[in-house]
Amino acid sequence: MSKLNQPNIVYVMCDELRWCEIASYGHPNMRTPNMDRLANQGVRFETAVSNCPVCMAARCVSLSGTVFTQ
């Protein structure tokens, strides 16, 4: 597969946005048309578990796939 035929992947991670605050997940008052479009046309991961309860460590794990321990 050449580089021109490889799929584009966009990973969106919103900071301090809970799942229940997006209209496509059923919030009655929020209007989030761009997030709704991404959710409806892309892939939605509806269950996520992090083994790092600290914010920065959890982001490192999601980007690298490696757990950093001290």
Protein backbone atom coordinates (compact mmCIF):
# COMPACT_ATOMS: atom_id res chain seq x y z
CA MET A 1 0.00 0.00 0.00
CA SER A 2 1.49 3.33 -0.99
CA LYS A 3 1.44 6.35 1.29
CA LEU A 4 -1.21 7.96 -0.90
CA ASN A 5 -3.64 5.08 -0.30
CA GLN A 6 -3.25 4.95 3.48
CA PRO A 7 -6.29 6.09 5.48
CA ASN A 8 -6.26 9.34 7.40
CA ILE A 9 -6.91 8.93 11.10
CA VAL A 10 -7.95 11.85 13.29
CA TYR A 11 -7.89 11.20 17.02
CA VAL A 12 -10.00 13.73 18.92
CA MET A 13 -9.62 13.91 22.67
CA CYS A 14 -11.59 16.71 24.29
CA ASP A 15 -10.32 18.04 27.58
CA GLU A 16 -12.88 18.22 30.38
CA LEU A 17 -15.81 17.25 28.17
CA ARG A 18 -17.95 14.46 29.57
CA TRP A 19 -19.83 12.09 27.30
CA CYS A 20 -23.20 13.37 28.56
CA GLU A 21 -22.45 16.94 27.41
CA ILE A 22 -22.74 16.15 23.67
CA ALA A 23 -26.05 16.36 21.86
CA SER A 24 -25.56 13.08 19.95
CA TYR A 25 -25.42 11.28 23.29
CA GLY A 26 -28.75 12.75 24.32
CA HIS A 27 -28.10 16.04 26.11
CA PRO A 28 -31.34 18.06 25.76
CA ASN A 29 -29.81 21.57 25.83
CA MET A 30 -26.34 21.32 24.31
CA ARG A 31 -25.83 22.08 20.64
CA THR A 32 -22.65 20.43 19.38
CA PRO A 33 -23.09 20.03 15.60
CA ASN A 34 -19.41 19.48 14.79
CA MET A 35 -18.90 16.87 17.51
CA ASP A 36 -22.18 15.21 16.47
CA ARG A 37 -21.03 15.01 12.86
CA LEU A 38 -17.70 13.47 13.89
CA ALA A 39 -19.50 10.98 16.13
CA ASN A 40 -22.03 10.01 13.47
CA GLN A 41 -19.58 9.69 10.55
CA GLY A 42 -16.64 8.20 12.46
CA VAL A 43 -16.01 5.56 15.06
CA ARG A 44 -17.31 6.03 18.58
CA PHE A 45 -15.55 4.29 21.42
CA GLU A 46 -18.26 4.14 24.03
CA THR A 47 -16.31 2.34 26.74
CA ALA A 48 -12.87 3.47 27.80
CA VAL A 49 -10.85 2.39 30.78
CA SER A 50 -7.64 3.96 31.98
CA ASN A 51 -5.26 2.39 34.43
CA CYS A 52 -3.88 5.84 35.26
CA PRO A 53 -6.25 8.00 37.31
CA VAL A 54 -3.95 11.02 36.91
CA CYS A 55 -4.81 13.21 33.93
CA MET A 56 -1.40 13.61 32.27
CA ALA A 57 -0.43 9.96 32.71
CA ALA A 58 -3.73 8.84 31.17
CA ARG A 59 -3.07 11.03 28.13
CA CYS A 60 0.42 9.58 27.72
CA VAL A 61 -1.01 6.06 27.79
CA SER A 62 -3.64 6.86 25.17
CA LEU A 63 -1.08 8.40 22.81
CA SER A 64 1.81 5.99 23.28
CA GLY A 65 0.20 2.73 24.40
CA THR A 66 2.87 2.48 27.08
CA VAL A 67 2.26 2.70 30.80
CA PHE A 68 4.86 4.82 32.58
CA THR A 69 5.50 3.78 36.16
CA GLN A 70 7.85 5.13 38.76
